[in-house]
Amino acid sequence: MLALSGCGGESGSETAAGVVVVVPPSEPVAVVVPTPTPSPTPEPAQSAEAAGAVAALDPIAQYTYPAIATASIGDVNYPLGATQVDIPVRLDHATPNTVHVRVKTANGSGTNYVYSGAYFEAVDKYLIFRPGDPLVQTISVKIVKTKEGGHFKVSFPEAPQGANAGVSSAIVTSKAGALATKPIIAGFRLPRTFKASGTLAYDLNPATVRWSDKGGAGILSTSFTHGRAQTGNAETGLYLDNTLHPSAEPAFAIKNGKLVIHSQKLATPLTYGGVSYKYGAAMLSGRNTPETQVTYGQYEWVATMPNRRGSWPALWLIGVRGWPPEIDVYEGFGQNSNWDFERDISANIHGGPINQRKFTRSMWIDATTAYGIGNIASATHRYAVDIQADYITWFVDGIETHQARNPFSEPFYPVMNVAVKTSSAFTDGSGDMAIASFKVWRNR
């Protein structure tokens, strides 16, 4: 989500003049599979290698970010009679951010192929490389039986998140005399559990929360610094205020003890900036609410997300001095037909001089497959971020889902909104975000 009135988009790149070129959002997409290059099963990466490579990433300048790693997989041979084969996935250099690599087996093809069930147990899982982890880890496939030359495939069914795709498909073959493969599992960090370490600075009470056009101390704002439209994102919804737009359904309400942020198709179009809007979006921000602003600390929302096609819900942070920087804690790309509201989560950072994005580092994953977190839109979940001088770490339901080196050293303010980006009837499912709790802790 970008806070730009006249330029920008869900994702983009810059020209030499710093003008944002709008491109579609980053998403898991099928990769073009090059012909794999045979490679031997590697030995486990040494922790010293990873530690030295990570150290080489420092320092990070405010407007730059370290090069993205490339993930690759290679052909593997395993001996006849083996009961397991361990297939390595390698990063070409230390990563400054979490890398999610989805790896999936498939039946072989051509002469002497083998198939799942009879010869091996099918696998579809994520391998996760966190900053500081070794550069090689393996996916283990159980072997049911073997035959000379029997082969099956393993590949990345979608582009890695947080890394480029290198060699993304491999052939796994049973051969007499092949060496037994070895699992590489040591040295990988377990996911963190969310815990607030700062001093509680803000605690939203749905029963007493206040909002207004501009906001202020103890009062959240219903508008962006640039106004009530996000034309640069090609959004079709006008950001509404209950007082300023009485002809529309209330953009904000307290229902069942929760703060509801409501998006809608307008019964009567509203004109703003010379443009007629048929949809209503809604947002609350802490841009003029000092107690919500943090340089280092934690934010946590307890919320239920909308699941309506064309809705674009987000929990995010913007630099107090202007955009960028930006930290996206959660975004739901309902305007994208590939987005699954019940299983997908996303995160991102945007950096660069004011109004000139120089880098992003995004993540869009199936949280159910990766972390066992499901029913994202149909149930209430905890969305949190911990911002420290070295790393930014994201959490869902207390489980670490992403981490990235922190290039920022300035205060942020929070935004919670449901944007609209559609020309549809906008009536399916729910267009509401319901906030049960929102807390801010400040380290400094």
Protein backbone atom coordinates (compact mmCIF):
# COMPACT_ATOMS: atom_id res chain seq x y z
CA MET A 1 0.00 0.00 0.00
CA LEU A 2 1.49 3.33 -1.03
CA ALA A 3 0.59 6.72 0.40
CA LEU A 4 0.78 8.64 -2.86
CA SER A 5 -1.85 10.88 -4.38
CA GLY A 6 -0.55 11.06 -7.91
CA CYS A 7 2.07 8.39 -8.44
CA GLY A 8 2.84 4.92 -7.27
CA GLY A 9 1.07 1.61 -7.09
CA GLU A 10 1.11 -1.68 -5.28
CA SER A 11 4.64 -2.28 -6.43
CA GLY A 12 6.98 -0.44 -8.73
CA SER A 13 10.41 0.68 -9.77
CA GLU A 14 12.04 4.03 -10.31
CA THR A 15 13.44 5.76 -13.33
CA ALA A 16 16.58 7.85 -13.05
CA ALA A 17 14.39 10.84 -12.27
CA GLY A 18 12.73 8.99 -9.40
CA VAL A 19 9.32 8.64 -11.07
CA VAL A 20 7.45 5.56 -9.94
CA VAL A 21 6.43 3.18 -12.72
CA VAL A 22 3.37 1.21 -11.68
CA VAL A 23 3.57 -2.58 -12.04
CA PRO A 24 1.38 -5.37 -10.63
CA PRO A 25 1.96 -6.45 -7.02
CA SER A 26 4.53 -9.10 -6.22
CA GLU A 27 2.87 -12.48 -5.95
CA PRO A 28 3.70 -16.17 -6.07
CA VAL A 29 3.73 -16.97 -9.78
CA ALA A 30 4.76 -19.99 -11.79
CA VAL A 31 8.42 -19.83 -12.72
CA VAL A 32 9.99 -20.56 -16.08
CA VAL A 33 11.94 -23.74 -15.47
CA PRO A 34 15.39 -23.83 -17.10
CA THR A 35 17.15 -27.09 -17.88
CA PRO A 36 18.68 -28.18 -14.57
CA THR A 37 22.43 -28.55 -14.25
CA PRO A 38 23.51 -31.74 -12.44
CA SER A 39 25.26 -31.09 -9.15
CA PRO A 40 26.47 -33.31 -6.32
CA THR A 41 24.81 -33.32 -2.93
CA PRO A 42 26.67 -30.63 -0.97
CA GLU A 43 28.01 -30.88 2.52
CA PRO A 44 26.23 -28.81 5.20
CA ALA A 45 27.10 -25.12 5.13
CA GLN A 46 29.24 -24.02 8.05
CA SER A 47 27.74 -21.54 10.47
CA ALA A 48 30.90 -19.41 10.25
CA GLU A 49 30.34 -19.01 6.51
CA ALA A 50 26.83 -17.74 7.06
CA ALA A 51 27.87 -15.50 9.94
CA GLY A 52 30.66 -13.93 7.91
CA ALA A 53 28.40 -13.38 4.92
CA VAL A 54 25.73 -11.73 7.04
CA ALA A 55 28.31 -9.48 8.68
CA ALA A 56 29.31 -8.30 5.21
CA LEU A 57 25.82 -6.85 4.73
CA ASP A 58 26.45 -4.07 7.25
CA PRO A 59 25.99 -1.18 7.24
CA ILE A 60 22.75 -0.53 5.34
CA ALA A 61 22.17 2.98 4.07
CA GLN A 62 18.75 4.59 4.42
CA TYR A 63 18.06 4.57 0.68
CA THR A 64 19.66 1.30 -0.37
CA TYR A 65 19.15 -2.36 0.41
CA PRO A 66 21.44 -5.39 0.00
CA ALA A 67 21.15 -7.45 -3.16
CA ILE A 68 18.48 -10.12 -3.17
CA ALA A 69 19.71 -13.72 -2.96
CA THR A 70 19.04 -16.36 -5.63
CA ALA A 71 17.61 -19.76 -4.70
CA SER A 72 18.47 -22.85 -6.77
CA ILE A 73 17.93 -26.60 -6.69
CA GLY A 74 20.07 -29.29 -8.34
CA ASP A 75 19.86 -32.86 -9.63
CA VAL A 76 20.48 -35.61 -7.08
CA ASN A 77 21.31 -39.31 -7.32
CA TYR A 78 20.50 -41.70 -4.47
CA PRO A 79 21.43 -45.37 -3.95
CA LEU A 80 19.25 -48.38 -4.63
CA GLY A 81 17.52 -49.51 -1.45
CA ALA A 82 17.49 -46.01 0.07
CA THR A 83 14.49 -45.09 2.21
CA GLN A 84 14.99 -41.32 1.99
CA VAL A 85 16.58 -38.83 -0.37
CA ASP A 86 17.64 -35.36 0.75
CA ILE A 87 17.52 -32.72 -1.98
CA PRO A 88 19.50 -29.51 -1.42
CA VAL A 89 18.21 -25.99 -2.02
CA ARG A 90 20.92 -23.34 -2.01
CA LEU A 91 21.08 -19.56 -1.68
CA ASP A 92 23.94 -17.95 -3.59
CA HIS A 93 24.72 -15.51 -0.77
CA ALA A 94 23.53 -14.48 2.69
CA THR A 95 20.04 -13.04 2.70
CA PRO A 96 19.08 -9.82 4.51
CA ASN A 97 15.46 -10.99 4.66
CA THR A 98 13.50 -14.19 5.15
CA VAL A 99 13.30 -16.37 2.04
CA HIS A 100 10.36 -18.74 1.53
CA VAL A 101 11.00 -21.39 -1.12
CA ARG A 102 8.09 -23.66 -1.94
CA VAL A 103 9.32 -27.08 -3.12
CA LYS A 104 7.08 -29.72 -4.67
CA THR A 105 7.64 -33.22 -6.02
CA ALA A 106 6.09 -34.54 -9.24
CA ASN A 107 6.06 -37.83 -11.11
CA GLY A 108 8.90 -38.41 -13.54
CA SER A 109 8.39 -38.51 -17.30
CA GLY A 110 9.77 -40.41 -20.26
CA THR A 111 11.55 -43.73 -19.94
CA ASN A 112 11.89 -45.37 -16.52
CA TYR A 113 10.05 -42.69 -14.57
CA VAL A 114 8.68 -43.35 -11.08
CA TYR A 115 5.56 -41.96 -9.46
CA SER A 116 4.31 -40.96 -6.03
CA GLY A 117 2.62 -43.51 -3.84
CA ALA A 118 4.34 -46.56 -5.31
CA TYR A 119 7.91 -45.22 -5.33
CA PHE A 120 8.02 -42.07 -3.18
CA GLU A 121 5.82 -39.98 -0.92
CA ALA A 122 4.74 -36.69 -2.46
CA VAL A 123 6.00 -33.50 -0.81
CA ASP A 124 4.75 -29.91 -1.05
CA LYS A 125 6.30 -27.65 1.58
CA TYR A 126 8.18 -24.44 2.21
CA LEU A 127 11.85 -24.28 3.06
CA ILE A 128 12.51 -21.15 5.10
CA PHE A 129 15.85 -19.33 5.21
CA ARG A 130 16.00 -16.62 7.88
CA PRO A 131 18.75 -13.99 8.07
CA GLY A 132 21.86 -15.62 9.52
CA ASP A 133 20.85 -19.16 8.54
CA PRO A 134 23.19 -21.50 6.61
CA LEU A 135 22.99 -21.09 2.85
CA VAL A 136 21.97 -24.68 2.08
CA GLN A 137 19.18 -26.81 3.47
CA THR A 138 17.46 -29.93 2.23
CA ILE A 139 13.97 -31.16 1.57
CA SER A 140 13.59 -34.83 2.53
CA VAL A 141 11.50 -37.23 0.44
CA LYS A 142 10.56 -40.67 1.76
CA ILE A 143 11.34 -43.47 -0.70
CA VAL A 144 8.94 -46.43 -0.86
CA LYS A 145 10.95 -48.57 -3.28
CA THR A 146 13.70 -48.10 -5.84
CA LYS A 147 14.70 -49.32 -9.27
CA GLU A 148 17.79 -48.65 -11.34
CA GLY A 149 17.44 -45.34 -13.16
CA GLY A 150 14.01 -44.61 -11.72
CA HIS A 151 13.55 -40.86 -11.58
CA PHE A 152 11.08 -38.21 -10.44
CA LYS A 153 11.00 -34.42 -10.47
CA VAL A 154 11.21 -31.73 -7.82
CA SER A 155 10.71 -28.04 -8.52
CA PHE A 156 9.70 -24.61 -7.28
CA PRO A 157 6.01 -24.44 -8.29
CA GLU A 158 6.03 -20.68 -7.70
CA ALA A 159 8.69 -18.01 -7.54
CA PRO A 160 10.59 -17.90 -4.23
CA GLN A 161 9.48 -15.10 -1.93
CA GLY A 162 12.36 -12.91 -0.80
CA ALA A 163 14.77 -14.35 -3.38
CA ASN A 164 15.17 -14.69 -7.12
CA ALA A 165 14.67 -18.06 -8.81
CA GLY A 166 17.83 -19.64 -10.19
CA VAL A 167 17.71 -23.28 -11.32
CA SER A 168 14.17 -24.15 -10.24
CA SER A 169 13.71 -27.78 -11.30
CA ALA A 170 15.72 -30.94 -10.74
CA ILE A 171 15.69 -34.66 -11.51
CA VAL A 172 16.07 -37.14 -8.64
CA THR A 173 17.37 -40.55 -9.78
CA SER A 174 18.09 -43.87 -8.07
CA LYS A 175 21.40 -45.37 -9.22
CA ALA A 176 23.54 -48.29 -8.14
CA GLY A 177 26.68 -47.05 -6.41
CA ALA A 178 25.34 -43.56 -5.68
CA LEU A 179 26.28 -42.15 -2.29
CA ALA A 180 23.64 -41.82 0.38
CA THR A 181 22.38 -38.27 0.72
CA LYS A 182 22.54 -36.35 3.98
CA PRO A 183 19.90 -34.07 5.51
CA ILE A 184 21.08 -30.53 6.22
CA ILE A 185 19.06 -29.27 9.15
CA ALA A 186 21.56 -27.96 11.72
CA GLY A 187 22.16 -24.28 12.35
CA PHE A 188 18.75 -22.96 11.31
CA ARG A 189 17.06 -20.53 13.66
CA LEU A 190 13.60 -21.35 14.98
CA PRO A 191 10.89 -18.71 14.46
CA ARG A 192 10.57 -16.10 17.18
CA THR A 193 7.46 -15.74 19.32
CA PHE A 194 6.03 -12.24 19.57
CA LYS A 195 6.64 -10.47 22.86
CA ALA A 196 6.32 -6.76 23.47
CA SER A 197 9.57 -5.37 24.87
CA GLY A 198 8.72 -1.68 24.93
CA THR A 199 6.61 0.53 27.17
CA LEU A 200 2.91 0.62 26.32
CA ALA A 201 2.31 3.98 24.61
CA TYR A 202 -1.15 3.52 23.08
CA ASP A 203 -4.02 1.11 23.70
CA LEU A 204 -7.08 1.54 21.50
CA ASN A 205 -10.35 1.04 23.34
CA PRO A 206 -13.17 0.47 20.81
CA ALA A 207 -15.67 1.87 23.29
CA THR A 208 -13.93 5.25 23.56
CA VAL A 209 -11.88 5.58 20.36
CA ARG A 210 -12.25 8.94 18.60
CA TRP A 211 -11.55 10.02 15.04
CA SER A 212 -11.76 13.18 12.94
CA ASP A 213 -10.63 14.54 9.59
CA LYS A 214 -7.18 15.67 10.77
CA GLY A 215 -6.88 13.77 14.05
CA GLY A 216 -4.75 14.89 16.99
CA ALA A 217 -3.62 13.76 20.43
CA GLY A 218 -5.91 10.89 21.36
CA ILE A 219 -7.78 11.23 18.05
CA LEU A 220 -7.11 9.19 14.88
CA SER A 221 -7.28 10.81 11.43
CA THR A 222 -9.67 9.70 8.68
CA SER A 223 -7.55 11.13 5.83
CA PHE A 224 -4.07 10.92 4.34
CA THR A 225 -1.72 13.89 4.46
CA HIS A 226 -2.50 14.45 0.76
CA GLY A 227 -6.27 14.09 1.09
CA ARG A 228 -8.92 11.42 0.57
CA ALA A 229 -8.01 9.80 -2.74
CA GLN A 230 -5.23 7.44 -3.82
CA THR A 231 -5.26 7.98 -7.57
CA GLY A 232 -1.63 6.88 -7.89
CA ASN A 233 -2.69 3.39 -6.79
CA ALA A 234 -5.60 3.44 -9.27
CA GLU A 235 -7.95 3.05 -6.30
CA THR A 236 -11.63 3.55 -7.09
CA GLY A 237 -12.78 4.28 -3.54
CA LEU A 238 -12.98 7.68 -1.86
CA TYR A 239 -11.85 7.64 1.78
CA LEU A 240 -14.92 8.63 3.76
CA ASP A 241 -15.60 10.35 7.07
CA ASN A 242 -18.88 9.88 8.96
CA THR A 243 -19.31 13.62 9.49
CA LEU A 244 -18.09 14.85 6.11
CA HIS A 245 -20.05 12.26 4.10
CA PRO A 246 -23.41 11.77 5.85
CA SER A 247 -25.12 10.44 2.70
CA ALA A 248 -22.95 7.30 2.75
CA GLU A 249 -23.11 4.38 5.14
CA PRO A 250 -20.91 5.10 8.19
CA ALA A 251 -17.26 4.43 7.41
CA PHE A 252 -16.63 3.70 11.11
CA ALA A 253 -18.80 2.10 13.75
CA ILE A 254 -18.55 0.16 16.98
CA LYS A 255 -20.19 -3.26 16.64
CA ASN A 256 -20.01 -6.15 19.11
CA GLY A 257 -17.23 -4.38 20.98
CA LYS A 258 -15.06 -3.95 17.87
CA LEU A 259 -14.08 -0.93 15.78
CA VAL A 260 -15.41 -1.63 12.28
CA ILE A 261 -13.74 0.02 9.27
CA HIS A 262 -16.30 -0.22 6.47
CA SER A 263 -15.91 -0.18 2.68
CA GLN A 264 -18.94 0.07 0.40
CA LYS A 265 -20.47 0.71 -2.98
CA LEU A 266 -22.11 4.12 -2.72
CA ALA A 267 -25.83 4.48 -3.34
CA THR A 268 -25.10 7.99 -4.62
CA PRO A 269 -21.68 8.78 -6.15
CA LEU A 270 -19.55 11.44 -4.46
CA THR A 271 -17.31 13.93 -6.26
CA TYR A 272 -13.84 14.75 -4.94
CA GLY A 273 -11.08 16.58 -6.78
CA GLY A 274 -13.23 16.67 -9.90
CA VAL A 275 -13.60 12.86 -9.93
CA SER A 276 -16.85 10.98 -9.32
CA TYR A 277 -16.47 8.05 -6.93
CA LYS A 278 -18.89 5.11 -6.83
CA TYR A 279 -17.17 3.36 -3.92
CA GLY A 280 -16.34 4.29 -0.36
CA ALA A 281 -13.06 3.31 1.30
CA ALA A 282 -12.13 3.96 4.93
CA MET A 283 -8.93 4.53 6.90
CA LEU A 284 -7.70 5.58 10.32
CA SER A 285 -4.16 6.81 10.89
CA GLY A 286 -1.97 8.13 13.67
CA ARG A 287 -0.32 10.82 11.52
CA ASN A 288 -1.27 13.49 14.06
CA THR A 289 -1.51 11.19 17.08
CA PRO A 290 1.93 11.30 18.76
CA GLU A 291 1.28 8.45 21.18
CA THR A 292 1.01 6.02 18.23
CA GLN A 293 4.36 7.01 16.70
CA VAL A 294 7.42 4.80 17.16
CA THR A 295 10.98 4.61 15.87
CA TYR A 296 11.77 1.31 17.59
CA GLY A 297 9.04 -0.70 19.25
CA GLN A 298 6.08 -2.95 18.53
CA TYR A 299 2.63 -2.65 16.95
CA GLU A 300 -0.08 -5.29 17.31
CA TRP A 301 -3.57 -5.43 15.85
CA VAL A 302 -6.17 -8.06 16.75
CA ALA A 303 -8.42 -7.99 13.72
CA THR A 304 -10.76 -9.78 11.36
CA MET A 305 -10.12 -9.03 7.70
CA PRO A 306 -12.57 -8.47 4.83
CA ASN A 307 -12.84 -11.06 2.05
CA ARG A 308 -14.63 -9.08 -0.63
CA ARG A 309 -13.20 -9.10 -4.16
CA GLY A 310 -11.93 -5.63 -4.97
CA SER A 311 -11.18 -4.77 -1.34
CA TRP A 312 -7.58 -4.00 -0.40
CA PRO A 313 -7.25 -4.14 3.39
CA ALA A 314 -3.96 -3.17 5.00
CA LEU A 315 -2.22 -2.60 8.32
CA TRP A 316 0.84 -0.48 7.67
CA LEU A 317 3.25 2.18 8.87
CA ILE A 318 4.41 5.41 7.21
CA GLY A 319 7.37 7.59 8.15
CA VAL A 320 6.33 10.66 10.13
CA ARG A 321 8.41 12.93 7.87
CA GLY A 322 6.74 11.56 4.71
CA TRP A 323 6.61 8.60 2.33
CA PRO A 324 8.69 6.51 2.02
CA PRO A 325 9.64 4.80 4.33
CA GLU A 326 6.80 2.31 4.67
CA ILE A 327 6.39 -0.99 6.50
CA ASP A 328 3.45 -3.17 5.44
CA VAL A 329 2.42 -5.41 8.33
CA TYR A 330 -0.45 -7.04 6.42
CA GLU A 331 -2.02 -6.48 3.01
CA GLY A 332 -4.87 -8.38 1.39
CA PHE A 333 -4.83 -8.02 -2.40
CA GLY A 334 -8.53 -8.61 -3.05
CA GLN A 335 -8.17 -6.80 -6.37
CA ASN A 336 -5.95 -9.66 -7.56
CA SER A 337 -7.75 -12.86 -8.60
CA ASN A 338 -4.83 -14.98 -7.32
CA TRP A 339 -5.18 -13.71 -3.76
CA ASP A 340 -6.73 -16.23 -1.34
CA PHE A 341 -8.15 -14.32 1.63
CA GLU A 342 -8.31 -17.46 3.78
CA ARG A 343 -4.69 -18.56 3.48
CA ASP A 344 -2.49 -15.77 2.05
CA ILE A 345 -0.51 -13.15 3.97
CA SER A 346 1.91 -10.51 2.77
CA ALA A 347 4.50 -8.08 4.08
CA ASN A 348 6.75 -5.44 2.54
CA ILE A 349 9.11 -2.54 3.12
CA HIS A 350 9.55 0.50 0.87
CA GLY A 351 12.55 2.81 1.15
CA GLY A 352 14.07 5.85 -0.50
CA PRO A 353 14.05 9.65 -0.37
CA ILE A 354 10.69 11.37 0.09
CA ASN A 355 8.40 10.57 -2.88
CA GLN A 356 11.11 8.43 -4.52
CA ARG A 357 10.91 4.74 -3.77
CA LYS A 358 14.32 3.16 -4.35
CA PHE A 359 13.65 -0.37 -3.11
CA THR A 360 11.01 -2.76 -1.84
CA ARG A 361 11.38 -6.23 -0.37
CA SER A 362 8.05 -8.03 -0.42
CA MET A 363 6.64 -11.36 0.76
CA TRP A 364 3.40 -13.08 -0.32
CA ILE A 365 2.94 -16.63 0.94
CA ASP A 366 0.37 -19.31 1.69
CA ALA A 367 0.41 -19.06 5.49
CA THR A 368 -1.54 -22.29 5.88
CA THR A 369 1.12 -24.37 4.11
CA ALA A 370 4.07 -22.45 5.55
CA TYR A 371 2.96 -21.98 9.17
CA GLY A 372 -0.34 -23.79 9.69
CA ILE A 373 -2.23 -20.48 9.99
CA GLY A 374 -5.61 -20.65 8.25
CA ASN A 375 -9.02 -18.97 8.12
CA ILE A 376 -7.29 -15.61 7.77
CA ALA A 377 -10.44 -13.69 6.82
CA SER A 378 -13.08 -15.81 8.56
CA ALA A 379 -11.43 -15.68 11.99
CA THR A 380 -9.78 -13.09 14.21
CA HIS A 381 -5.97 -13.05 14.17
CA ARG A 382 -3.11 -11.12 15.75
CA TYR A 383 -0.92 -9.14 13.34
CA ALA A 384 2.24 -7.69 14.84
CA VAL A 385 5.56 -6.16 13.91
CA ASP A 386 8.67 -5.60 16.04
CA ILE A 387 10.93 -2.78 14.80
CA GLN A 388 14.45 -2.80 16.17
CA ALA A 389 17.64 -1.12 14.97
CA ASP A 390 18.92 -4.30 13.33
CA TYR A 391 15.79 -6.13 12.14
CA ILE A 392 12.08 -5.71 11.46
CA THR A 393 10.17 -8.89 12.35
CA TRP A 394 6.58 -9.74 11.41
CA PHE A 395 4.22 -12.06 13.31
CA VAL A 396 0.79 -13.62 12.87
CA ASP A 397 -0.81 -15.12 15.97
CA GLY A 398 2.52 -14.70 17.75
CA ILE A 399 4.44 -16.75 15.15
CA GLU A 400 7.29 -15.12 13.23
CA THR A 401 6.41 -15.12 9.54
CA HIS A 402 9.03 -12.75 8.09
CA GLN A 403 12.13 -10.77 8.99
CA ALA A 404 14.16 -8.13 7.16
CA ARG A 405 17.18 -6.00 7.93
CA ASN A 406 16.02 -2.56 9.09
CA PRO A 407 17.35 0.28 6.93
CA PHE A 408 15.23 2.90 8.74
CA SER A 409 15.99 5.08 11.75
CA GLU A 410 13.02 7.43 11.97
CA PRO A 411 9.58 7.40 13.61
CA PHE A 412 6.54 5.80 11.99
CA TYR A 413 2.81 6.26 12.41
CA PRO A 414 0.18 3.53 11.88
CA VAL A 415 -2.51 3.23 9.21
CA MET A 416 -5.39 0.74 9.16
CA ASN A 417 -7.58 0.88 6.09
CA VAL A 418 -9.79 -0.88 3.59
CA ALA A 419 -9.10 0.49 0.13
CA VAL A 420 -11.27 -0.28 -2.89
CA LYS A 421 -9.86 -1.12 -6.30
CA THR A 422 -12.63 -2.48 -8.51
CA SER A 423 -15.43 -1.62 -10.91
CA SER A 424 -17.53 -4.63 -9.84
CA ALA A 425 -20.80 -4.88 -7.95
CA PHE A 426 -18.72 -5.10 -4.75
CA THR A 427 -21.30 -7.13 -2.86
CA ASP A 428 -19.73 -10.54 -2.23
CA GLY A 429 -18.46 -11.49 1.21
CA SER A 430 -17.59 -8.77 3.70
CA GLY A 431 -15.94 -5.42 3.02
CA ASP A 432 -15.30 -4.73 6.71
CA MET A 433 -12.17 -4.84 8.86
CA ALA A 434 -13.06 -5.35 12.52
CA ILE A 435 -10.45 -4.22 15.07
CA ALA A 436 -10.79 -5.84 18.50
CA SER A 437 -7.51 -4.41 19.83
CA PHE A 438 -4.65 -2.19 18.72
CA LYS A 439 -1.60 -1.55 20.90
CA VAL A 440 1.67 0.32 20.48
CA TRP A 441 4.78 -0.24 22.58
CA ARG A 442 7.75 2.11 22.37
CA ASN A 443 11.39 1.20 22.97
CA ARG A 444 12.41 4.66 21.77
